Amino acid sequence: MYPGLLHAHNGFRWLVLIFLVFAVFLAISGWASKRSWNKADNLVGLILVIFMDIQFLLGLVLYAFVSPITKAAFADFGAAMKNSDLRFYLVEHFLMMFIALILVHIGRRKSKKKAVAWKKYKPATIFYSIALLLILAAIPWDRALF
């Protein structure tokens, strides 16, 4: 079960990254050109939120129930905090990804609430970009399965 969930989590990461980069690109270009918000912008944001939620749920199942890494870390929390690899998965990866998830949700919500169509791009640009940076920093690239 663990290898299958880990592969799904690692593979799904690419869908999240592709849609997040695309959403940031659309937001920046829309904001710079003062383009009117359209259905494609809304759809990309919606798909991004859905993919982020699925990815987070996969990660949460791994984190809380299946991963031998987090099980070992929870068994001796003090020792885990002294080990940089265990601390990364136990605290840093989880926390940064959770914050990125919240930022994507905030960016989508704030962009939907703006009355002027082209002003919807500003919060999307800001929140999606910060989320992208957090995700890129939190991915364990040394263990990433391509």
N, C-alpha and C. Protein backbone atom coordinates (compact mmCIF):
# COMPACT_ATOMS: atom_id res chain seq x y z
N MET A 1 0.82 -1.19 0.00
CA MET A 1 0.00 0.00 0.00
C MET A 1 0.87 1.26 0.00
N TYR A 2 1.93 1.25 0.82
CA TYR A 2 2.80 2.42 0.90
C TYR A 2 3.43 2.77 -0.45
N PRO A 3 4.04 1.79 -1.16
CA PRO A 3 4.66 2.16 -2.44
C PRO A 3 3.65 2.73 -3.45
N GLY A 4 2.46 2.17 -3.49
CA GLY A 4 1.44 2.67 -4.41
C GLY A 4 1.01 4.09 -4.10
N LEU A 5 0.78 4.37 -2.83
CA LEU A 5 0.40 5.73 -2.43
C LEU A 5 1.54 6.72 -2.65
N LEU A 6 2.76 6.28 -2.38
CA LEU A 6 3.91 7.15 -2.58
C LEU A 6 4.09 7.48 -4.06
N HIS A 7 3.92 6.48 -4.92
CA HIS A 7 4.02 6.73 -6.36
C HIS A 7 2.89 7.65 -6.84
N ALA A 8 1.71 7.45 -6.32
CA ALA A 8 0.58 8.33 -6.69
C ALA A 8 0.86 9.77 -6.24
N HIS A 9 1.36 9.92 -5.02
CA HIS A 9 1.67 11.24 -4.48
C HIS A 9 2.79 11.90 -5.30
N ASN A 10 3.81 11.14 -5.63
CA ASN A 10 4.92 11.67 -6.43
C ASN A 10 4.48 12.01 -7.86
N GLY A 11 3.67 11.17 -8.45
CA GLY A 11 3.20 11.41 -9.81
C GLY A 11 2.22 12.56 -9.90
N PHE A 12 1.33 12.64 -8.94
CA PHE A 12 0.32 13.70 -8.92
C PHE A 12 0.95 15.08 -8.73
N ARG A 13 2.13 15.08 -8.13
CA ARG A 13 2.87 16.33 -7.93
C ARG A 13 3.04 17.08 -9.24
N TRP A 14 3.29 16.32 -10.33
CA TRP A 14 3.53 16.96 -11.62
C TRP A 14 2.28 17.65 -12.15
N LEU A 15 1.12 17.06 -11.91
CA LEU A 15 -0.13 17.73 -12.32
C LEU A 15 -0.32 19.03 -11.55
N VAL A 16 -0.05 18.98 -10.27
CA VAL A 16 -0.16 20.18 -9.44
C VAL A 16 0.81 21.25 -9.94
N LEU A 17 2.06 20.87 -10.17
CA LEU A 17 3.05 21.84 -10.62
C LEU A 17 2.71 22.42 -11.99
N ILE A 18 2.28 21.58 -12.91
CA ILE A 18 1.92 22.07 -14.25
C ILE A 18 0.78 23.07 -14.16
N PHE A 19 -0.27 22.73 -13.43
CA PHE A 19 -1.40 23.65 -13.33
C PHE A 19 -1.06 24.90 -12.53
N LEU A 20 -0.21 24.77 -11.53
CA LEU A 20 0.18 25.93 -10.75
C LEU A 20 1.03 26.89 -11.58
N VAL A 21 1.99 26.37 -12.32
CA VAL A 21 2.81 27.22 -13.19
C VAL A 21 1.92 27.88 -14.25
N PHE A 22 1.00 27.12 -14.83
CA PHE A 22 0.09 27.66 -15.83
C PHE A 22 -0.81 28.74 -15.22
N ALA A 23 -1.31 28.50 -14.01
CA ALA A 23 -2.17 29.49 -13.34
C ALA A 23 -1.38 30.76 -13.03
N VAL A 24 -0.13 30.63 -12.60
CA VAL A 24 0.70 31.80 -12.34
C VAL A 24 0.94 32.57 -13.64
N PHE A 25 1.24 31.84 -14.71
CA PHE A 25 1.46 32.48 -16.01
C PHE A 25 0.21 33.24 -16.47
N LEU A 26 -0.96 32.60 -16.38
CA LEU A 26 -2.20 33.27 -16.76
C LEU A 26 -2.47 34.50 -15.90
N ALA A 27 -2.21 34.38 -14.62
CA ALA A 27 -2.47 35.49 -13.70
C ALA A 27 -1.54 36.67 -13.98
N ILE A 28 -0.26 36.39 -14.18
CA ILE A 28 0.69 37.47 -14.46
C ILE A 28 0.36 38.14 -15.79
N SER A 29 0.11 37.32 -16.81
CA SER A 29 -0.19 37.91 -18.12
C SER A 29 -1.51 38.68 -18.11
N GLY A 30 -2.50 38.18 -17.39
CA GLY A 30 -3.77 38.88 -17.29
C GLY A 30 -3.66 40.18 -16.52
N TRP A 31 -2.88 40.16 -15.46
CA TRP A 31 -2.68 41.36 -14.65
C TRP A 31 -1.91 42.42 -15.44
N ALA A 32 -0.85 41.98 -16.15
CA ALA A 32 -0.02 42.92 -16.90
C ALA A 32 -0.78 43.55 -18.08
N SER A 33 -1.62 42.76 -18.72
CA SER A 33 -2.34 43.28 -19.90
C SER A 33 -3.73 43.82 -19.57
N LYS A 34 -4.12 43.71 -18.30
CA LYS A 34 -5.45 44.14 -17.85
C LYS A 34 -6.55 43.45 -18.67
N ARG A 35 -6.28 42.20 -18.95
CA ARG A 35 -7.23 41.37 -19.70
C ARG A 35 -8.43 41.05 -18.82
N SER A 36 -9.56 40.91 -19.43
CA SER A 36 -10.77 40.56 -18.69
C SER A 36 -10.70 39.10 -18.24
N TRP A 37 -11.13 38.84 -17.03
CA TRP A 37 -11.16 37.49 -16.46
C TRP A 37 -12.13 36.66 -17.29
N ASN A 38 -11.72 35.46 -17.69
CA ASN A 38 -12.60 34.66 -18.54
C ASN A 38 -12.80 33.26 -17.97
N LYS A 39 -13.55 32.45 -18.68
CA LYS A 39 -13.86 31.09 -18.20
C LYS A 39 -12.61 30.23 -18.07
N ALA A 40 -11.65 30.41 -18.97
CA ALA A 40 -10.42 29.62 -18.89
C ALA A 40 -9.65 29.92 -17.61
N ASP A 41 -9.59 31.20 -17.24
CA ASP A 41 -8.92 31.57 -15.99
C ASP A 41 -9.60 30.92 -14.80
N ASN A 42 -10.91 30.97 -14.80
CA ASN A 42 -11.69 30.37 -13.72
C ASN A 42 -11.50 28.86 -13.68
N LEU A 43 -11.50 28.22 -14.85
CA LEU A 43 -11.37 26.77 -14.92
C LEU A 43 -9.99 26.31 -14.45
N VAL A 44 -8.95 27.02 -14.86
CA VAL A 44 -7.60 26.66 -14.43
C VAL A 44 -7.48 26.78 -12.91
N GLY A 45 -8.04 27.85 -12.34
CA GLY A 45 -8.03 28.00 -10.89
C GLY A 45 -8.79 26.90 -10.17
N LEU A 46 -9.93 26.52 -10.73
CA LEU A 46 -10.73 25.45 -10.13
C LEU A 46 -10.00 24.11 -10.19
N ILE A 47 -9.43 23.79 -11.34
CA ILE A 47 -8.70 22.53 -11.48
C ILE A 47 -7.47 22.52 -10.56
N LEU A 48 -6.81 23.66 -10.45
CA LEU A 48 -5.66 23.77 -9.55
C LEU A 48 -6.07 23.46 -8.11
N VAL A 49 -7.15 24.05 -7.66
CA VAL A 49 -7.63 23.81 -6.30
C VAL A 49 -7.98 22.34 -6.10
N ILE A 50 -8.65 21.75 -7.07
CA ILE A 50 -9.02 20.33 -6.97
C ILE A 50 -7.76 19.45 -6.90
N PHE A 51 -6.80 19.71 -7.78
CA PHE A 51 -5.56 18.92 -7.77
C PHE A 51 -4.78 19.11 -6.47
N MET A 52 -4.75 20.34 -5.96
CA MET A 52 -4.07 20.60 -4.68
C MET A 52 -4.75 19.83 -3.56
N ASP A 53 -6.08 19.82 -3.55
CA ASP A 53 -6.81 19.11 -2.50
C ASP A 53 -6.55 17.60 -2.57
N ILE A 54 -6.57 17.05 -3.77
CA ILE A 54 -6.31 15.61 -3.92
C ILE A 54 -4.89 15.28 -3.48
N GLN A 55 -3.94 16.10 -3.90
CA GLN A 55 -2.54 15.88 -3.53
C GLN A 55 -2.36 15.96 -2.02
N PHE A 56 -3.02 16.93 -1.40
CA PHE A 56 -2.91 17.06 0.04
C PHE A 56 -3.52 15.85 0.75
N LEU A 57 -4.65 15.36 0.26
CA LEU A 57 -5.26 14.18 0.88
C LEU A 57 -4.37 12.95 0.75
N LEU A 58 -3.75 12.78 -0.43
CA LEU A 58 -2.81 11.67 -0.59
C LEU A 58 -1.65 11.80 0.40
N GLY A 59 -1.12 13.01 0.51
CA GLY A 59 -0.02 13.25 1.44
C GLY A 59 -0.44 13.05 2.89
N LEU A 60 -1.64 13.46 3.21
CA LEU A 60 -2.14 13.31 4.58
C LEU A 60 -2.29 11.83 4.96
N VAL A 61 -2.78 11.02 4.03
CA VAL A 61 -2.90 9.58 4.29
C VAL A 61 -1.50 8.99 4.50
N LEU A 62 -0.57 9.37 3.65
CA LEU A 62 0.81 8.90 3.82
C LEU A 62 1.36 9.34 5.18
N TYR A 63 1.19 10.60 5.48
CA TYR A 63 1.74 11.19 6.70
C TYR A 63 1.17 10.56 7.97
N ALA A 64 -0.13 10.42 8.01
CA ALA A 64 -0.78 10.01 9.26
C ALA A 64 -0.91 8.50 9.44
N PHE A 65 -0.95 7.75 8.34
CA PHE A 65 -1.30 6.34 8.49
C PHE A 65 -0.31 5.34 7.90
N VAL A 66 0.39 5.69 6.84
CA VAL A 66 1.08 4.67 6.06
C VAL A 66 2.61 4.78 6.07
N SER A 67 3.14 5.98 6.05
CA SER A 67 4.57 6.17 5.85
C SER A 67 5.40 5.64 7.01
N PRO A 68 6.38 4.78 6.70
CA PRO A 68 7.28 4.32 7.76
C PRO A 68 8.19 5.45 8.26
N ILE A 69 8.38 6.46 7.45
CA ILE A 69 9.22 7.60 7.86
C ILE A 69 8.54 8.36 8.99
N THR A 70 7.28 8.71 8.81
CA THR A 70 6.58 9.46 9.86
C THR A 70 6.26 8.58 11.05
N LYS A 71 6.03 7.29 10.82
CA LYS A 71 5.82 6.39 11.96
C LYS A 71 7.06 6.36 12.84
N ALA A 72 8.23 6.28 12.23
CA ALA A 72 9.48 6.28 13.00
C ALA A 72 9.67 7.62 13.72
N ALA A 73 9.31 8.70 13.04
CA ALA A 73 9.46 10.02 13.65
C ALA A 73 8.51 10.21 14.83
N PHE A 74 7.28 9.75 14.70
CA PHE A 74 6.32 9.88 15.79
C PHE A 74 6.67 8.97 16.97
N ALA A 75 7.37 7.87 16.68
CA ALA A 75 7.75 6.94 17.75
C ALA A 75 8.72 7.60 18.73
N ASP A 76 9.59 8.46 18.23
CA ASP A 76 10.52 9.20 19.10
C ASP A 76 10.65 10.61 18.54
N PHE A 77 9.71 11.44 18.92
CA PHE A 77 9.61 12.79 18.37
C PHE A 77 10.85 13.62 18.66
N GLY A 78 11.39 13.50 19.84
CA GLY A 78 12.59 14.26 20.22
C GLY A 78 13.77 13.92 19.33
N ALA A 79 13.99 12.64 19.10
CA ALA A 79 15.09 12.21 18.24
C ALA A 79 14.83 12.62 16.80
N ALA A 80 13.58 12.58 16.38
CA ALA A 80 13.23 12.96 15.01
C ALA A 80 13.54 14.43 14.75
N MET A 81 13.34 15.26 15.76
CA MET A 81 13.60 16.69 15.58
C MET A 81 15.10 16.98 15.46
N LYS A 82 15.93 16.07 15.94
CA LYS A 82 17.37 16.22 15.82
C LYS A 82 17.91 15.66 14.51
N ASN A 83 17.11 14.88 13.83
CA ASN A 83 17.49 14.28 12.55
C ASN A 83 16.88 15.12 11.43
N SER A 84 17.70 15.73 10.60
CA SER A 84 17.19 16.67 9.59
C SER A 84 16.26 16.01 8.58
N ASP A 85 16.52 14.76 8.20
CA ASP A 85 15.64 14.07 7.24
C ASP A 85 14.27 13.80 7.85
N LEU A 86 14.25 13.27 9.07
CA LEU A 86 12.97 13.00 9.72
C LEU A 86 12.21 14.29 10.02
N ARG A 87 12.94 15.31 10.47
CA ARG A 87 12.30 16.60 10.76
C ARG A 87 11.68 17.19 9.50
N PHE A 88 12.36 17.04 8.37
CA PHE A 88 11.84 17.57 7.11
C PHE A 88 10.46 16.99 6.81
N TYR A 89 10.32 15.66 6.90
CA TYR A 89 9.03 15.03 6.58
C TYR A 89 8.00 15.24 7.68
N LEU A 90 8.45 15.25 8.90
CA LEU A 90 7.52 15.37 10.02
C LEU A 90 6.96 16.78 10.16
N VAL A 91 7.78 17.79 9.93
CA VAL A 91 7.35 19.16 10.18
C VAL A 91 7.41 20.04 8.93
N GLU A 92 8.58 20.15 8.34
CA GLU A 92 8.80 21.15 7.30
C GLU A 92 7.99 20.89 6.03
N HIS A 93 8.07 19.69 5.48
CA HIS A 93 7.33 19.35 4.26
C HIS A 93 5.83 19.52 4.49
N PHE A 94 5.35 18.95 5.55
CA PHE A 94 3.91 19.00 5.85
C PHE A 94 3.44 20.44 6.02
N LEU A 95 4.16 21.22 6.81
CA LEU A 95 3.75 22.59 7.10
C LEU A 95 3.79 23.48 5.86
N MET A 96 4.86 23.40 5.08
CA MET A 96 4.95 24.23 3.87
C MET A 96 3.88 23.86 2.85
N MET A 97 3.61 22.57 2.71
CA MET A 97 2.58 22.14 1.76
C MET A 97 1.19 22.56 2.24
N PHE A 98 0.96 22.49 3.52
CA PHE A 98 -0.34 22.93 4.07
C PHE A 98 -0.52 24.43 3.86
N ILE A 99 0.52 25.20 4.08
CA ILE A 99 0.44 26.65 3.85
C ILE A 99 0.21 26.94 2.37
N ALA A 100 0.89 26.21 1.49
CA ALA A 100 0.70 26.39 0.05
C ALA A 100 -0.74 26.08 -0.35
N LEU A 101 -1.31 25.04 0.23
CA LEU A 101 -2.71 24.69 -0.05
C LEU A 101 -3.63 25.84 0.37
N ILE A 102 -3.40 26.37 1.54
CA ILE A 102 -4.22 27.50 2.03
C ILE A 102 -4.05 28.71 1.11
N LEU A 103 -2.83 29.00 0.68
CA LEU A 103 -2.59 30.14 -0.19
C LEU A 103 -3.31 30.00 -1.53
N VAL A 104 -3.32 28.81 -2.08
CA VAL A 104 -4.03 28.60 -3.35
C VAL A 104 -5.53 28.82 -3.15
N HIS A 105 -6.06 28.32 -2.06
CA HIS A 105 -7.49 28.54 -1.78
C HIS A 105 -7.79 30.03 -1.58
N ILE A 106 -6.93 30.72 -0.85
CA ILE A 106 -7.13 32.16 -0.63
C ILE A 106 -7.04 32.92 -1.96
N GLY A 107 -6.05 32.59 -2.77
CA GLY A 107 -5.90 33.25 -4.06
C GLY A 107 -7.10 33.08 -4.95
N ARG A 108 -7.63 31.89 -4.98
CA ARG A 108 -8.83 31.64 -5.80
C ARG A 108 -10.02 32.40 -5.24
N ARG A 109 -10.21 32.36 -3.94
CA ARG A 109 -11.36 33.03 -3.31
C ARG A 109 -11.28 34.54 -3.50
N LYS A 110 -10.10 35.12 -3.25
CA LYS A 110 -9.96 36.58 -3.40
C LYS A 110 -10.13 37.02 -4.84
N SER A 111 -9.64 36.23 -5.78
CA SER A 111 -9.79 36.61 -7.18
C SER A 111 -11.24 36.53 -7.64
N LYS A 112 -12.00 35.62 -7.07
CA LYS A 112 -13.41 35.51 -7.43
C LYS A 112 -14.23 36.69 -6.89
N LYS A 113 -13.78 37.27 -5.78
CA LYS A 113 -14.56 38.32 -5.12
C LYS A 113 -14.34 39.71 -5.71
N LYS A 114 -13.29 39.89 -6.49
CA LYS A 114 -13.03 41.21 -7.06
C LYS A 114 -14.13 41.58 -8.06
N ALA A 115 -14.58 42.82 -8.00
CA ALA A 115 -15.66 43.28 -8.87
C ALA A 115 -15.16 43.60 -10.28
N VAL A 116 -14.01 44.23 -10.39
CA VAL A 116 -13.45 44.59 -11.69
C VAL A 116 -12.72 43.37 -12.25
N ALA A 117 -13.07 42.97 -13.46
CA ALA A 117 -12.59 41.71 -14.03
C ALA A 117 -11.07 41.61 -14.08
N TRP A 118 -10.37 42.65 -14.54
CA TRP A 118 -8.92 42.53 -14.67
C TRP A 118 -8.21 42.59 -13.32
N LYS A 119 -8.87 43.10 -12.29
CA LYS A 119 -8.25 43.16 -10.96
C LYS A 119 -8.26 41.80 -10.26
N LYS A 120 -8.94 40.83 -10.83
CA LYS A 120 -8.96 39.49 -10.27
C LYS A 120 -7.60 38.81 -10.37
N TYR A 121 -6.78 39.29 -11.30
CA TYR A 121 -5.48 38.66 -11.53
C TYR A 121 -4.46 38.96 -10.44
N LYS A 122 -4.58 40.10 -9.78
CA LYS A 122 -3.59 40.48 -8.77
C LYS A 122 -3.52 39.48 -7.61
N PRO A 123 -4.64 39.19 -6.94
CA PRO A 123 -4.53 38.21 -5.84
C PRO A 123 -4.13 36.82 -6.33
N ALA A 124 -4.59 36.45 -7.52
CA ALA A 124 -4.21 35.14 -8.06
C ALA A 124 -2.70 35.10 -8.27
N THR A 125 -2.14 36.16 -8.84
CA THR A 125 -0.69 36.22 -9.07
C THR A 125 0.08 36.12 -7.76
N ILE A 126 -0.30 36.90 -6.80
CA ILE A 126 0.43 36.95 -5.53
C ILE A 126 0.34 35.63 -4.77
N PHE A 127 -0.87 35.14 -4.56
CA PHE A 127 -1.03 33.93 -3.75
C PHE A 127 -0.54 32.67 -4.46
N TYR A 128 -0.81 32.55 -5.75
CA TYR A 128 -0.34 31.38 -6.49
C TYR A 128 1.19 31.36 -6.58
N SER A 129 1.80 32.54 -6.76
CA SER A 129 3.27 32.59 -6.86
C SER A 129 3.94 32.20 -5.54
N ILE A 130 3.41 32.69 -4.45
CA ILE A 130 3.98 32.32 -3.14
C ILE A 130 3.79 30.82 -2.90
N ALA A 131 2.63 30.31 -3.25
CA ALA A 131 2.38 28.87 -3.10
C ALA A 131 3.36 28.06 -3.96
N LEU A 132 3.60 28.51 -5.17
CA LEU A 132 4.55 27.81 -6.05
C LEU A 132 5.95 27.79 -5.44
N LEU A 133 6.39 28.90 -4.91
CA LEU A 133 7.72 28.95 -4.28
C LEU A 133 7.79 28.02 -3.07
N LEU A 134 6.74 28.01 -2.26
CA LEU A 134 6.72 27.11 -1.10
C LEU A 134 6.76 25.65 -1.53
N ILE A 135 5.98 25.31 -2.53
CA ILE A 135 5.95 23.92 -3.00
C ILE A 135 7.31 23.51 -3.55
N LEU A 136 7.91 24.37 -4.35
CA LEU A 136 9.23 24.04 -4.90
C LEU A 136 10.26 23.86 -3.79
N ALA A 137 10.15 24.65 -2.73
CA ALA A 137 11.08 24.52 -1.60
C ALA A 137 10.80 23.27 -0.77
N ALA A 138 9.56 22.81 -0.75
CA ALA A 138 9.18 21.70 0.12
C ALA A 138 9.25 20.33 -0.55
N ILE A 139 9.45 20.29 -1.84
CA ILE A 139 9.55 18.99 -2.52
C ILE A 139 10.91 18.38 -2.18
N PRO A 140 10.92 17.12 -1.76
CA PRO A 140 12.19 16.46 -1.49
C PRO A 140 12.85 16.00 -2.80
N TRP A 141 13.52 16.93 -3.45
CA TRP A 141 14.06 16.67 -4.79
C TRP A 141 15.06 15.52 -4.82
N ASP A 142 15.77 15.28 -3.72
CA ASP A 142 16.72 14.20 -3.69
C ASP A 142 16.05 12.83 -3.70
N ARG A 143 14.79 12.77 -3.30
CA ARG A 143 14.04 11.51 -3.28
C ARG A 143 12.92 11.48 -4.29
N ALA A 144 12.84 12.50 -5.11
CA ALA A 144 11.73 12.61 -6.06
C ALA A 144 11.79 11.49 -7.08
N LEU A 145 10.66 10.86 -7.27
CA LEU A 145 10.53 9.83 -8.29
C LEU A 145 9.99 10.47 -9.56
N PHE A 146 10.67 10.31 -10.64
CA PHE A 146 10.23 10.92 -11.89
C PHE A 146 9.54 9.89 -12.66
